[in-house]
Amino acid sequence: MRLSRRGVLAGLGSLALPRAAQAVEQNRFPVAIEARPITAFEPRSPDRRRFGALQFRGGLVLSCGHPRFGGFSGLWRSSDGRDLVAITDRGYWLTAKVVSRNGRPAALEDAAMAAILGASGRPLARSRSFDTESLAIAGGVAYVGVERTHEVLRFDWAGKGVDARARAVPVPSEVRRLPRNRGLEAIGVVPAGPLAGTVVAVAERSGREDEPTLGVILKPGRPGLFEVARHDGYDITDLAFLPSGDMLLLERWYKPWRGVGMRIRRIAGRDLKAGTLLDGPYLIEANLGYEIDNMEGMSVHLDQGRTILTLISDDNFSFIQRTLLLEFELPDGMQS
């Protein structure tokens, strides 16, 4: 057979394809996750289900022997709650299927992890942008907030999933001046109202102890800044939107060897505007007398019309902390 230069190059290219495909496949690796049920949010009152404005549905203590597992700081669940995506604060994705029994989370199946890839295809874990702290997925796009470098990155989640490469989202100069380890811990996409489809992010803490923290509305061409009131030394660790457009803020107080606290605040969607100071009522508050840890990620989805809040904790890769996945229901009367 006569070989042309084009034929030789095509042949070499076909030989390279399996290796390239294998390299992509190797970015995703399966992990075996053990899940121990949490049946009582308050161990001292095992029959109690109502906590503040929320109903406890159940939870899991998650464990895994892989060294990349842990440090979960951002969380998303699909509209039906079946698919779960989380990110670690060391630049890795976790994907899994949530198994529920009798209305409670029971296990995670088909779990896998993968490096979050930068624009060049190099893992963010090997760059200055390793500290991925917040996650939202909407319209087939994943948005990730990066602390320390104070970036917002977007990924073609619908098209490429964990193999998508980062693209930078422009942010105002005020975001770049946030404290080094107090950056964009919370991110979400507005589902309804005048800002529908707009990315919103909030810094963990941009000022002193109880000073308001910075928030940003990343509307293309018209970004806007706002502030969120802070109380009692709590920091903002995540946000999620209710279908109505109201914003929920997950807050955390944590000091090693001293304790941890968690609470969730509700902000009226109509108040989310540039130049405003946002505040609102608390739906729940808990301390170490309850089944919590360093709660850092939150998502909202619907289960047969019921509004479900899911929380995940960051164990800081410490043997004295736990990775918890908790589910709460927002009663019908609280949804509007």
C-alpha atoms as a PDB file:
ATOM      1  CA  MET A   1       0.000   0.000   0.000  1.00  0.00           C
ATOM      2  CA  ARG A   2       1.315   3.405  -0.889  1.00  0.00           C
ATOM      3  CA  LEU A   3       1.619   5.739   2.094  1.00  0.00           C
ATOM      4  CA  SER A   4       1.248   9.474   1.662  1.00  0.00           C
ATOM      5  CA  ARG A   5       2.447  12.078   4.170  1.00  0.00           C
ATOM      6  CA  ARG A   6      -1.184  12.815   5.032  1.00  0.00           C
ATOM      7  CA  GLY A   7      -1.852   9.132   5.553  1.00  0.00           C
ATOM      8  CA  VAL A   8       1.155   8.759   7.840  1.00  0.00           C
ATOM      9  CA  LEU A   9       0.100  11.768   9.917  1.00  0.00           C
ATOM     10  CA  ALA A  10      -3.462  10.488  10.129  1.00  0.00           C
ATOM     11  CA  GLY A  11      -2.192   7.117  11.237  1.00  0.00           C
ATOM     12  CA  LEU A  12       0.000   8.662  13.908  1.00  0.00           C
ATOM     13  CA  GLY A  13      -2.944  10.749  15.034  1.00  0.00           C
ATOM     14  CA  SER A  14      -5.141   7.691  15.370  1.00  0.00           C
ATOM     15  CA  LEU A  15      -2.460   6.008  17.456  1.00  0.00           C
ATOM     16  CA  ALA A  16      -2.357   9.053  19.740  1.00  0.00           C
ATOM     17  CA  LEU A  17      -6.100   9.180  20.255  1.00  0.00           C
ATOM     18  CA  PRO A  18      -6.349   6.285  22.695  1.00  0.00           C
ATOM     19  CA  ARG A  19      -3.654   7.845  24.872  1.00  0.00           C
ATOM     20  CA  ALA A  20      -5.393  11.220  24.815  1.00  0.00           C
ATOM     21  CA  ALA A  21      -8.717   9.597  25.610  1.00  0.00           C
ATOM     22  CA  GLN A  22      -7.051   7.601  28.363  1.00  0.00           C
ATOM     23  CA  ALA A  23      -5.550  10.780  29.811  1.00  0.00           C
ATOM     24  CA  VAL A  24      -8.974  12.397  29.915  1.00  0.00           C
ATOM     25  CA  GLU A  25     -10.488   9.275  31.447  1.00  0.00           C
ATOM     26  CA  GLN A  26      -7.785   9.177  34.098  1.00  0.00           C
ATOM     27  CA  ASN A  27      -8.801  12.620  35.340  1.00  0.00           C
ATOM     28  CA  ARG A  28     -11.907  10.954  36.765  1.00  0.00           C
ATOM     29  CA  PHE A  29     -11.340   8.193  39.289  1.00  0.00           C
ATOM     30  CA  PRO A  30     -13.939   6.222  41.271  1.00  0.00           C
ATOM     31  CA  VAL A  31     -14.068   6.400  45.051  1.00  0.00           C
ATOM     32  CA  ALA A  32     -15.869   4.146  47.505  1.00  0.00           C
ATOM     33  CA  ILE A  33     -17.823   6.186  50.047  1.00  0.00           C
ATOM     34  CA  GLU A  34     -19.185   4.686  53.225  1.00  0.00           C
ATOM     35  CA  ALA A  35     -22.315   6.356  54.605  1.00  0.00           C
ATOM     36  CA  ARG A  36     -23.496   6.019  58.192  1.00  0.00           C
ATOM     37  CA  PRO A  37     -27.051   7.297  58.788  1.00  0.00           C
ATOM     38  CA  ILE A  38     -27.842  10.220  61.081  1.00  0.00           C
ATOM     39  CA  THR A  39     -31.391   9.687  62.292  1.00  0.00           C
ATOM     40  CA  ALA A  40     -31.541  12.411  64.962  1.00  0.00           C
ATOM     41  CA  PHE A  41     -30.256  15.949  64.466  1.00  0.00           C
ATOM     42  CA  GLU A  42     -30.295  16.473  68.238  1.00  0.00           C
ATOM     43  CA  PRO A  43     -29.049  13.253  69.877  1.00  0.00           C
ATOM     44  CA  ARG A  44     -30.519  14.279  73.245  1.00  0.00           C
ATOM     45  CA  SER A  45     -33.990  14.456  71.657  1.00  0.00           C
ATOM     46  CA  PRO A  46     -34.053  11.668  69.059  1.00  0.00           C
ATOM     47  CA  ASP A  47     -37.773  12.097  68.268  1.00  0.00           C
ATOM     48  CA  ARG A  48     -37.563  15.813  67.617  1.00  0.00           C
ATOM     49  CA  ARG A  49     -37.892  16.742  63.931  1.00  0.00           C
ATOM     50  CA  ARG A  50     -38.559  20.499  63.923  1.00  0.00           C
ATOM     51  CA  PHE A  51     -35.613  22.873  64.396  1.00  0.00           C
ATOM     52  CA  GLY A  52     -36.419  26.534  64.022  1.00  0.00           C
ATOM     53  CA  ALA A  53     -38.308  26.877  60.744  1.00  0.00           C
ATOM     54  CA  LEU A  54     -36.939  23.640  59.255  1.00  0.00           C
ATOM     55  CA  GLN A  55     -37.810  19.952  59.446  1.00  0.00           C
ATOM     56  CA  PHE A  56     -34.884  17.532  59.720  1.00  0.00           C
ATOM     57  CA  ARG A  57     -35.165  14.716  57.144  1.00  0.00           C
ATOM     58  CA  GLY A  58     -31.958  12.830  57.810  1.00  0.00           C
ATOM     59  CA  GLY A  59     -28.255  12.831  57.226  1.00  0.00           C
ATOM     60  CA  LEU A  60     -25.124  10.834  56.561  1.00  0.00           C
ATOM     61  CA  VAL A  61     -21.630  10.672  57.976  1.00  0.00           C
ATOM     62  CA  LEU A  62     -19.462  10.146  54.901  1.00  0.00           C
ATOM     63  CA  SER A  63     -16.053   8.503  54.945  1.00  0.00           C
ATOM     64  CA  CYS A  64     -13.605   7.410  52.273  1.00  0.00           C
ATOM     65  CA  GLY A  65     -10.042   6.191  52.334  1.00  0.00           C
ATOM     66  CA  HIS A  66      -8.879   8.189  49.316  1.00  0.00           C
ATOM     67  CA  PRO A  67      -6.544  11.073  50.281  1.00  0.00           C
ATOM     68  CA  ARG A  68      -8.372  13.529  47.981  1.00  0.00           C
ATOM     69  CA  PHE A  69     -11.690  12.983  49.773  1.00  0.00           C
ATOM     70  CA  GLY A  70     -12.629  15.751  52.222  1.00  0.00           C
ATOM     71  CA  GLY A  71     -12.546  19.507  52.525  1.00  0.00           C
ATOM     72  CA  PHE A  72     -15.920  19.962  50.818  1.00  0.00           C
ATOM     73  CA  SER A  73     -16.781  23.641  50.560  1.00  0.00           C
ATOM     74  CA  GLY A  74     -19.350  23.867  47.759  1.00  0.00           C
ATOM     75  CA  LEU A  75     -22.406  21.755  46.935  1.00  0.00           C
ATOM     76  CA  TRP A  76     -25.013  21.328  44.184  1.00  0.00           C
ATOM     77  CA  ARG A  77     -27.847  18.870  43.647  1.00  0.00           C
ATOM     78  CA  SER A  78     -29.907  18.422  40.506  1.00  0.00           C
ATOM     79  CA  SER A  79     -33.510  19.584  40.345  1.00  0.00           C
ATOM     80  CA  ASP A  80     -34.718  16.117  41.365  1.00  0.00           C
ATOM     81  CA  GLY A  81     -31.982  15.685  43.986  1.00  0.00           C
ATOM     82  CA  ARG A  82     -30.569  12.545  42.366  1.00  0.00           C
ATOM     83  CA  ASP A  83     -27.252  13.959  41.151  1.00  0.00           C
ATOM     84  CA  LEU A  84     -24.788  15.509  43.577  1.00  0.00           C
ATOM     85  CA  VAL A  85     -21.709  17.584  42.796  1.00  0.00           C
ATOM     86  CA  ALA A  86     -19.342  18.965  45.408  1.00  0.00           C
ATOM     87  CA  ILE A  87     -15.962  20.659  45.298  1.00  0.00           C
ATOM     88  CA  THR A  88     -13.066  20.443  47.709  1.00  0.00           C
ATOM     89  CA  ASP A  89     -10.988  23.397  48.800  1.00  0.00           C
ATOM     90  CA  ARG A  90      -7.997  21.705  47.188  1.00  0.00           C
ATOM     91  CA  GLY A  91      -9.285  21.832  43.634  1.00  0.00           C
ATOM     92  CA  TYR A  92     -11.241  18.590  43.096  1.00  0.00           C
ATOM     93  CA  TRP A  93     -14.747  17.653  41.966  1.00  0.00           C
ATOM     94  CA  LEU A  94     -16.870  14.971  43.616  1.00  0.00           C
ATOM     95  CA  THR A  95     -19.791  13.544  41.633  1.00  0.00           C
ATOM     96  CA  ALA A  96     -22.236  10.949  42.931  1.00  0.00           C
ATOM     97  CA  LYS A  97     -25.816   9.670  42.899  1.00  0.00           C
ATOM     98  CA  VAL A  98     -27.855  10.156  46.064  1.00  0.00           C
ATOM     99  CA  VAL A  99     -29.848   7.128  47.166  1.00  0.00           C
ATOM    100  CA  SER A 100     -32.869   7.900  49.358  1.00  0.00           C
ATOM    101  CA  ARG A 101     -35.035   5.515  51.353  1.00  0.00           C
ATOM    102  CA  ASN A 102     -38.253   6.449  53.134  1.00  0.00           C
ATOM    103  CA  GLY A 103     -37.625  10.125  52.400  1.00  0.00           C
ATOM    104  CA  ARG A 104     -34.129  10.131  53.910  1.00  0.00           C
ATOM    105  CA  PRO A 105     -30.654  10.071  52.346  1.00  0.00           C
ATOM    106  CA  ALA A 106     -29.233   6.548  52.607  1.00  0.00           C
ATOM    107  CA  ALA A 107     -26.088   6.309  50.480  1.00  0.00           C
ATOM    108  CA  LEU A 108     -23.969   7.794  47.699  1.00  0.00           C
ATOM    109  CA  GLU A 109     -23.502   5.603  44.621  1.00  0.00           C
ATOM    110  CA  ASP A 110     -21.321   5.851  41.495  1.00  0.00           C
ATOM    111  CA  ALA A 111     -19.050   8.280  43.301  1.00  0.00           C
ATOM    112  CA  ALA A 112     -16.004   9.654  41.516  1.00  0.00           C
ATOM    113  CA  MET A 113     -13.550  12.491  41.894  1.00  0.00           C
ATOM    114  CA  ALA A 114     -11.595  14.515  39.342  1.00  0.00           C
ATOM    115  CA  ALA A 115      -9.220  17.439  39.280  1.00  0.00           C
ATOM    116  CA  ILE A 116     -10.784  20.801  38.467  1.00  0.00           C
ATOM    117  CA  LEU A 117      -9.012  21.941  35.311  1.00  0.00           C
ATOM    118  CA  GLY A 118      -7.708  25.413  34.578  1.00  0.00           C
ATOM    119  CA  ALA A 119      -7.854  27.154  31.207  1.00  0.00           C
ATOM    120  CA  SER A 120      -4.728  25.335  29.979  1.00  0.00           C
ATOM    121  CA  GLY A 121      -5.953  21.927  31.104  1.00  0.00           C
ATOM    122  CA  ARG A 122      -3.600  21.933  34.058  1.00  0.00           C
ATOM    123  CA  PRO A 123      -5.257  21.030  37.384  1.00  0.00           C
ATOM    124  CA  LEU A 124      -6.096  24.033  39.563  1.00  0.00           C
ATOM    125  CA  ALA A 125      -4.591  22.055  42.461  1.00  0.00           C
ATOM    126  CA  ARG A 126      -1.173  22.752  40.920  1.00  0.00           C
ATOM    127  CA  SER A 127      -1.764  26.485  40.592  1.00  0.00           C
ATOM    128  CA  ARG A 128      -2.438  29.566  42.711  1.00  0.00           C
ATOM    129  CA  SER A 129      -6.165  28.991  42.085  1.00  0.00           C
ATOM    130  CA  PHE A 130      -6.346  25.751  44.080  1.00  0.00           C
ATOM    131  CA  ASP A 131      -8.605  27.081  46.865  1.00  0.00           C
ATOM    132  CA  THR A 132     -12.009  26.405  45.290  1.00  0.00           C
ATOM    133  CA  GLU A 133     -14.641  27.328  47.878  1.00  0.00           C
ATOM    134  CA  SER A 134     -18.062  27.811  46.303  1.00  0.00           C
ATOM    135  CA  LEU A 135     -20.150  26.155  43.594  1.00  0.00           C
ATOM    136  CA  ALA A 136     -23.346  26.772  41.654  1.00  0.00           C
ATOM    137  CA  ILE A 137     -24.619  25.037  38.516  1.00  0.00           C
ATOM    138  CA  ALA A 138     -27.363  26.532  36.360  1.00  0.00           C
ATOM    139  CA  GLY A 139     -28.186  26.471  32.677  1.00  0.00           C
ATOM    140  CA  GLY A 140     -25.541  23.838  32.020  1.00  0.00           C
ATOM    141  CA  VAL A 141     -22.768  26.049  33.417  1.00  0.00           C
ATOM    142  CA  ALA A 142     -20.844  25.479  36.645  1.00  0.00           C
ATOM    143  CA  TYR A 143     -19.596  28.548  38.514  1.00  0.00           C
ATOM    144  CA  VAL A 144     -16.798  28.215  41.055  1.00  0.00           C
ATOM    145  CA  GLY A 145     -15.567  30.863  43.470  1.00  0.00           C
ATOM    146  CA  VAL A 146     -11.845  30.768  44.259  1.00  0.00           C
ATOM    147  CA  GLU A 147     -10.485  32.143  47.508  1.00  0.00           C
ATOM    148  CA  ARG A 148      -7.030  33.754  47.898  1.00  0.00           C
ATOM    149  CA  THR A 149      -6.898  34.695  44.193  1.00  0.00           C
ATOM    150  CA  HIS A 150     -10.494  36.016  44.372  1.00  0.00           C
ATOM    151  CA  GLU A 151     -11.703  34.659  41.048  1.00  0.00           C
ATOM    152  CA  VAL A 152     -14.979  33.412  39.656  1.00  0.00           C
ATOM    153  CA  LEU A 153     -14.569  30.646  37.083  1.00  0.00           C
ATOM    154  CA  ARG A 154     -17.128  29.128  34.741  1.00  0.00           C
ATOM    155  CA  PHE A 155     -17.162  25.631  33.246  1.00  0.00           C
ATOM    156  CA  ASP A 156     -19.128  24.025  30.410  1.00  0.00           C
ATOM    157  CA  TRP A 157     -20.704  21.480  32.717  1.00  0.00           C
ATOM    158  CA  ALA A 158     -23.410  20.284  30.323  1.00  0.00           C
ATOM    159  CA  GLY A 159     -20.919  19.750  27.503  1.00  0.00           C
ATOM    160  CA  LYS A 160     -17.821  18.381  29.230  1.00  0.00           C
ATOM    161  CA  GLY A 161     -18.574  17.778  32.902  1.00  0.00           C
ATOM    162  CA  VAL A 162     -15.471  17.309  35.047  1.00  0.00           C
ATOM    163  CA  ASP A 163     -13.246  17.646  31.967  1.00  0.00           C
ATOM    164  CA  ALA A 164     -14.392  21.204  31.282  1.00  0.00           C
ATOM    165  CA  ARG A 165     -11.721  23.872  31.504  1.00  0.00           C
ATOM    166  CA  ALA A 166     -12.050  27.079  33.477  1.00  0.00           C
ATOM    167  CA  ARG A 167     -12.950  30.383  31.899  1.00  0.00           C
ATOM    168  CA  ALA A 168     -12.652  33.543  33.967  1.00  0.00           C
ATOM    169  CA  VAL A 169     -15.743  35.622  34.787  1.00  0.00           C
ATOM    170  CA  PRO A 170     -14.919  39.347  35.079  1.00  0.00           C
ATOM    171  CA  VAL A 171     -15.234  40.665  38.643  1.00  0.00           C
ATOM    172  CA  PRO A 172     -15.102  44.233  39.995  1.00  0.00           C
ATOM    173  CA  SER A 173     -11.783  45.486  41.393  1.00  0.00           C
ATOM    174  CA  GLU A 174     -13.274  45.487  44.919  1.00  0.00           C
ATOM    175  CA  VAL A 175     -13.392  41.682  44.795  1.00  0.00           C
ATOM    176  CA  ARG A 176      -9.673  41.514  44.039  1.00  0.00           C
ATOM    177  CA  ARG A 177      -8.970  43.482  47.219  1.00  0.00           C
ATOM    178  CA  LEU A 178     -10.702  41.048  49.583  1.00  0.00           C
ATOM    179  CA  PRO A 179      -8.655  39.626  52.481  1.00  0.00           C
ATOM    180  CA  ARG A 180      -6.496  36.735  51.287  1.00  0.00           C
ATOM    181  CA  ASN A 181      -8.317  33.944  53.120  1.00  0.00           C
ATOM    182  CA  ARG A 182     -11.740  35.621  53.386  1.00  0.00           C
ATOM    183  CA  GLY A 183     -12.857  35.517  49.768  1.00  0.00           C
ATOM    184  CA  LEU A 184     -15.907  34.389  47.802  1.00  0.00           C
ATOM    185  CA  GLU A 185     -17.185  31.543  49.965  1.00  0.00           C
ATOM    186  CA  ALA A 186     -20.741  31.746  48.617  1.00  0.00           C
ATOM    187  CA  ILE A 187     -22.039  31.748  45.062  1.00  0.00           C
ATOM    188  CA  GLY A 188     -25.405  31.193  43.396  1.00  0.00           C
ATOM    189  CA  VAL A 189     -27.497  31.951  40.326  1.00  0.00           C
ATOM    190  CA  VAL A 190     -30.743  33.892  40.764  1.00  0.00           C
ATOM    191  CA  PRO A 191     -33.663  31.719  39.535  1.00  0.00           C
ATOM    192  CA  ALA A 192     -36.445  34.314  39.287  1.00  0.00           C
ATOM    193  CA  GLY A 193     -37.213  38.026  39.222  1.00  0.00           C
ATOM    194  CA  PRO A 194     -35.406  40.948  37.532  1.00  0.00           C
ATOM    195  CA  LEU A 195     -31.991  39.342  38.131  1.00  0.00           C
ATOM    196  CA  ALA A 196     -32.918  35.866  36.867  1.00  0.00           C
ATOM    197  CA  GLY A 197     -29.863  34.074  35.501  1.00  0.00           C
ATOM    198  CA  THR A 198     -27.432  36.418  37.229  1.00  0.00           C
ATOM    199  CA  VAL A 199     -24.496  35.121  39.280  1.00  0.00           C
ATOM    200  CA  VAL A 200     -24.324  36.446  42.845  1.00  0.00           C
ATOM    201  CA  ALA A 201     -21.385  35.915  45.208  1.00  0.00           C
ATOM    202  CA  VAL A 202     -20.698  36.871  48.829  1.00  0.00           C
ATOM    203  CA  ALA A 203     -17.384  37.066  50.668  1.00  0.00           C
ATOM    204  CA  GLU A 204     -16.839  35.109  53.847  1.00  0.00           C
ATOM    205  CA  ARG A 205     -15.768  38.223  55.731  1.00  0.00           C
ATOM    206  CA  SER A 206     -14.465  41.408  54.132  1.00  0.00           C
ATOM    207  CA  GLY A 207     -14.168  43.560  57.257  1.00  0.00           C
ATOM    208  CA  ARG A 208     -13.553  43.272  60.956  1.00  0.00           C
ATOM    209  CA  GLU A 209     -15.362  41.059  63.464  1.00  0.00           C
ATOM    210  CA  ASP A 210     -19.011  42.033  62.935  1.00  0.00           C
ATOM    211  CA  GLU A 211     -18.714  44.508  60.076  1.00  0.00           C
ATOM    212  CA  PRO A 212     -20.811  43.808  56.954  1.00  0.00           C
ATOM    213  CA  THR A 213     -19.242  41.670  54.252  1.00  0.00           C
ATOM    214  CA  LEU A 214     -19.043  42.352  50.528  1.00  0.00           C
ATOM    215  CA  GLY A 215     -21.428  40.873  47.975  1.00  0.00           C
ATOM    216  CA  VAL A 216     -21.337  41.210  44.199  1.00  0.00           C
ATOM    217  CA  ILE A 217     -23.948  40.935  41.447  1.00  0.00           C
ATOM    218  CA  LEU A 218     -22.071  39.708  38.372  1.00  0.00           C
ATOM    219  CA  LYS A 219     -24.458  40.973  35.738  1.00  0.00           C
ATOM    220  CA  PRO A 220     -22.595  41.157  32.410  1.00  0.00           C
ATOM    221  CA  GLY A 221     -21.606  44.731  31.685  1.00  0.00           C
ATOM    222  CA  ARG A 222     -23.358  46.011  34.830  1.00  0.00           C
ATOM    223  CA  PRO A 223     -21.834  44.454  37.946  1.00  0.00           C
ATOM    224  CA  GLY A 224     -23.054  45.786  41.250  1.00  0.00           C
ATOM    225  CA  LEU A 225     -21.889  45.685  44.848  1.00  0.00           C
ATOM    226  CA  PHE A 226     -23.932  45.218  47.996  1.00  0.00           C
ATOM    227  CA  GLU A 227     -23.259  44.341  51.625  1.00  0.00           C
ATOM    228  CA  VAL A 228     -24.520  41.609  53.942  1.00  0.00           C
ATOM    229  CA  ALA A 229     -24.871  42.287  57.664  1.00  0.00           C
ATOM    230  CA  ARG A 230     -22.925  39.958  59.957  1.00  0.00           C
ATOM    231  CA  HIS A 231     -23.757  39.118  63.556  1.00  0.00           C
ATOM    232  CA  ASP A 232     -22.190  37.343  66.531  1.00  0.00           C
ATOM    233  CA  GLY A 233     -18.895  36.531  64.832  1.00  0.00           C
ATOM    234  CA  TYR A 234     -20.464  34.261  62.201  1.00  0.00           C
ATOM    235  CA  ASP A 235     -18.936  34.122  58.708  1.00  0.00           C
ATOM    236  CA  ILE A 236     -20.761  33.495  55.411  1.00  0.00           C
ATOM    237  CA  THR A 237     -19.893  30.078  53.972  1.00  0.00           C
ATOM    238  CA  ASP A 238     -22.428  29.526  51.171  1.00  0.00           C
ATOM    239  CA  LEU A 239     -25.676  30.681  49.602  1.00  0.00           C
ATOM    240  CA  ALA A 240     -28.515  29.099  47.676  1.00  0.00           C
ATOM    241  CA  PHE A 241     -31.680  30.471  46.160  1.00  0.00           C
ATOM    242  CA  LEU A 242     -35.231  29.334  46.773  1.00  0.00           C
ATOM    243  CA  PRO A 243     -37.413  28.952  43.653  1.00  0.00           C
ATOM    244  CA  SER A 244     -39.139  32.215  44.642  1.00  0.00           C
ATOM    245  CA  GLY A 245     -35.844  34.113  44.327  1.00  0.00           C
ATOM    246  CA  ASP A 246     -35.238  34.547  48.062  1.00  0.00           C
ATOM    247  CA  MET A 247     -31.628  33.942  49.053  1.00  0.00           C
ATOM    248  CA  LEU A 248     -30.530  31.621  51.855  1.00  0.00           C
ATOM    249  CA  LEU A 249     -27.178  32.237  53.531  1.00  0.00           C
ATOM    250  CA  LEU A 250     -25.302  29.475  55.326  1.00  0.00           C
ATOM    251  CA  GLU A 251     -23.245  30.891  58.200  1.00  0.00           C
ATOM    252  CA  ARG A 252     -20.587  29.272  60.341  1.00  0.00           C
ATOM    253  CA  TRP A 253     -18.656  30.017  63.516  1.00  0.00           C
ATOM    254  CA  TYR A 254     -15.650  27.764  63.926  1.00  0.00           C
ATOM    255  CA  LYS A 255     -12.504  27.742  66.058  1.00  0.00           C
ATOM    256  CA  PRO A 256     -10.307  24.642  66.380  1.00  0.00           C
ATOM    257  CA  TRP A 257     -10.517  23.007  69.811  1.00  0.00           C
ATOM    258  CA  ARG A 258     -13.226  25.476  70.925  1.00  0.00           C
ATOM    259  CA  GLY A 259     -16.340  24.641  68.992  1.00  0.00           C
ATOM    260  CA  VAL A 260     -18.514  25.259  65.971  1.00  0.00           C
ATOM    261  CA  GLY A 261     -21.878  26.830  65.224  1.00  0.00           C
ATOM    262  CA  MET A 262     -24.153  26.909  62.185  1.00  0.00           C
ATOM    263  CA  ARG A 263     -27.166  28.895  61.118  1.00  0.00           C
ATOM    264  CA  ILE A 264     -29.146  29.737  57.980  1.00  0.00           C
ATOM    265  CA  ARG A 265     -30.533  33.192  57.219  1.00  0.00           C
ATOM    266  CA  ARG A 266     -33.179  34.136  54.656  1.00  0.00           C
ATOM    267  CA  ILE A 267     -32.890  37.297  52.540  1.00  0.00           C
ATOM    268  CA  ALA A 268     -35.876  38.564  50.554  1.00  0.00           C
ATOM    269  CA  GLY A 269     -35.134  38.401  46.824  1.00  0.00           C
ATOM    270  CA  ARG A 270     -36.701  41.819  46.259  1.00  0.00           C
ATOM    271  CA  ASP A 271     -34.001  43.337  48.485  1.00  0.00           C
ATOM    272  CA  LEU A 272     -31.110  42.047  46.368  1.00  0.00           C
ATOM    273  CA  LYS A 273     -29.930  45.219  44.649  1.00  0.00           C
ATOM    274  CA  ALA A 274     -26.693  47.085  44.184  1.00  0.00           C
ATOM    275  CA  GLY A 275     -25.924  49.533  46.980  1.00  0.00           C
ATOM    276  CA  THR A 276     -28.048  47.801  49.632  1.00  0.00           C
ATOM    277  CA  LEU A 277     -27.259  46.320  53.057  1.00  0.00           C
ATOM    278  CA  LEU A 278     -28.983  42.938  53.292  1.00  0.00           C
ATOM    279  CA  ASP A 279     -30.262  41.247  56.421  1.00  0.00           C
ATOM    280  CA  GLY A 280     -33.038  38.869  57.323  1.00  0.00           C
ATOM    281  CA  PRO A 281     -34.430  36.344  59.806  1.00  0.00           C
ATOM    282  CA  TYR A 282     -32.700  33.114  60.788  1.00  0.00           C
ATOM    283  CA  LEU A 283     -34.377  29.824  59.924  1.00  0.00           C
ATOM    284  CA  ILE A 284     -32.227  27.594  62.120  1.00  0.00           C
ATOM    285  CA  GLU A 285     -29.290  27.795  64.501  1.00  0.00           C
ATOM    286  CA  ALA A 286     -27.283  24.901  65.942  1.00  0.00           C
ATOM    287  CA  ASN A 287     -24.133  24.230  67.949  1.00  0.00           C
ATOM    288  CA  LEU A 288     -22.159  21.146  68.947  1.00  0.00           C
ATOM    289  CA  GLY A 289     -25.179  19.803  70.828  1.00  0.00           C
ATOM    290  CA  TYR A 290     -26.480  18.915  67.365  1.00  0.00           C
ATOM    291  CA  GLU A 291     -25.128  16.794  64.521  1.00  0.00           C
ATOM    292  CA  ILE A 292     -23.088  19.496  62.818  1.00  0.00           C
ATOM    293  CA  ASP A 293     -19.469  20.136  61.946  1.00  0.00           C
ATOM    294  CA  ASN A 294     -17.784  22.855  59.915  1.00  0.00           C
ATOM    295  CA  MET A 295     -20.769  23.388  57.585  1.00  0.00           C
ATOM    296  CA  GLU A 296     -19.634  25.082  54.358  1.00  0.00           C
ATOM    297  CA  GLY A 297     -21.804  23.975  51.417  1.00  0.00           C
ATOM    298  CA  MET A 298     -25.544  24.314  50.759  1.00  0.00           C
ATOM    299  CA  SER A 299     -27.941  23.546  47.914  1.00  0.00           C
ATOM    300  CA  VAL A 300     -31.710  23.684  47.317  1.00  0.00           C
ATOM    301  CA  HIS A 301     -33.819  21.320  45.224  1.00  0.00           C
ATOM    302  CA  LEU A 302     -37.435  20.123  45.047  1.00  0.00           C
ATOM    303  CA  ASP A 303     -38.662  16.661  46.012  1.00  0.00           C
ATOM    304  CA  GLN A 304     -42.236  16.129  44.808  1.00  0.00           C
ATOM    305  CA  GLY A 305     -42.966  19.792  45.432  1.00  0.00           C
ATOM    306  CA  ARG A 306     -41.186  19.929  48.781  1.00  0.00           C
ATOM    307  CA  THR A 307     -38.284  22.352  49.162  1.00  0.00           C
ATOM    308  CA  ILE A 308     -35.185  20.510  50.383  1.00  0.00           C
ATOM    309  CA  LEU A 309     -32.034  22.108  51.777  1.00  0.00           C
ATOM    310  CA  THR A 310     -28.855  20.009  51.735  1.00  0.00           C
ATOM    311  CA  LEU A 311     -25.731  20.923  53.695  1.00  0.00           C
ATOM    312  CA  ILE A 312     -22.214  19.490  53.570  1.00  0.00           C
ATOM    313  CA  SER A 313     -19.316  20.011  55.961  1.00  0.00           C
ATOM    314  CA  ASP A 314     -15.631  20.688  55.402  1.00  0.00           C
ATOM    315  CA  ASP A 315     -13.580  18.355  57.599  1.00  0.00           C
ATOM    316  CA  ASN A 316     -10.366  20.277  56.868  1.00  0.00           C
ATOM    317  CA  PHE A 317      -8.798  16.864  56.172  1.00  0.00           C
ATOM    318  CA  SER A 318      -8.621  16.432  59.950  1.00  0.00           C
ATOM    319  CA  PHE A 319      -9.143  13.145  61.783  1.00  0.00           C
ATOM    320  CA  ILE A 320     -11.070  14.969  64.539  1.00  0.00           C
ATOM    321  CA  GLN A 321     -13.713  16.322  62.129  1.00  0.00           C
ATOM    322  CA  ARG A 322     -16.366  14.689  59.966  1.00  0.00           C
ATOM    323  CA  THR A 323     -17.848  15.011  56.506  1.00  0.00           C
ATOM    324  CA  LEU A 324     -21.602  15.362  57.079  1.00  0.00           C
ATOM    325  CA  LEU A 325     -24.424  15.514  54.549  1.00  0.00           C
ATOM    326  CA  LEU A 326     -27.647  16.851  56.105  1.00  0.00           C
ATOM    327  CA  GLU A 327     -31.136  17.289  54.647  1.00  0.00           C
ATOM    328  CA  PHE A 328     -33.815  19.677  55.884  1.00  0.00           C
ATOM    329  CA  GLU A 329     -37.257  20.520  54.522  1.00  0.00           C
ATOM    330  CA  LEU A 330     -38.676  24.019  54.368  1.00  0.00           C
ATOM    331  CA  PRO A 331     -42.402  23.692  55.201  1.00  0.00           C
ATOM    332  CA  ASP A 332     -44.978  24.904  52.670  1.00  0.00           C
ATOM    333  CA  GLY A 333     -45.897  27.938  54.701  1.00  0.00           C
ATOM    334  CA  MET A 334     -42.288  29.198  54.633  1.00  0.00           C
ATOM    335  CA  GLN A 335     -41.663  28.884  50.885  1.00  0.00           C
ATOM    336  CA  SER A 336     -43.210  32.127  49.697  1.00  0.00           C
END
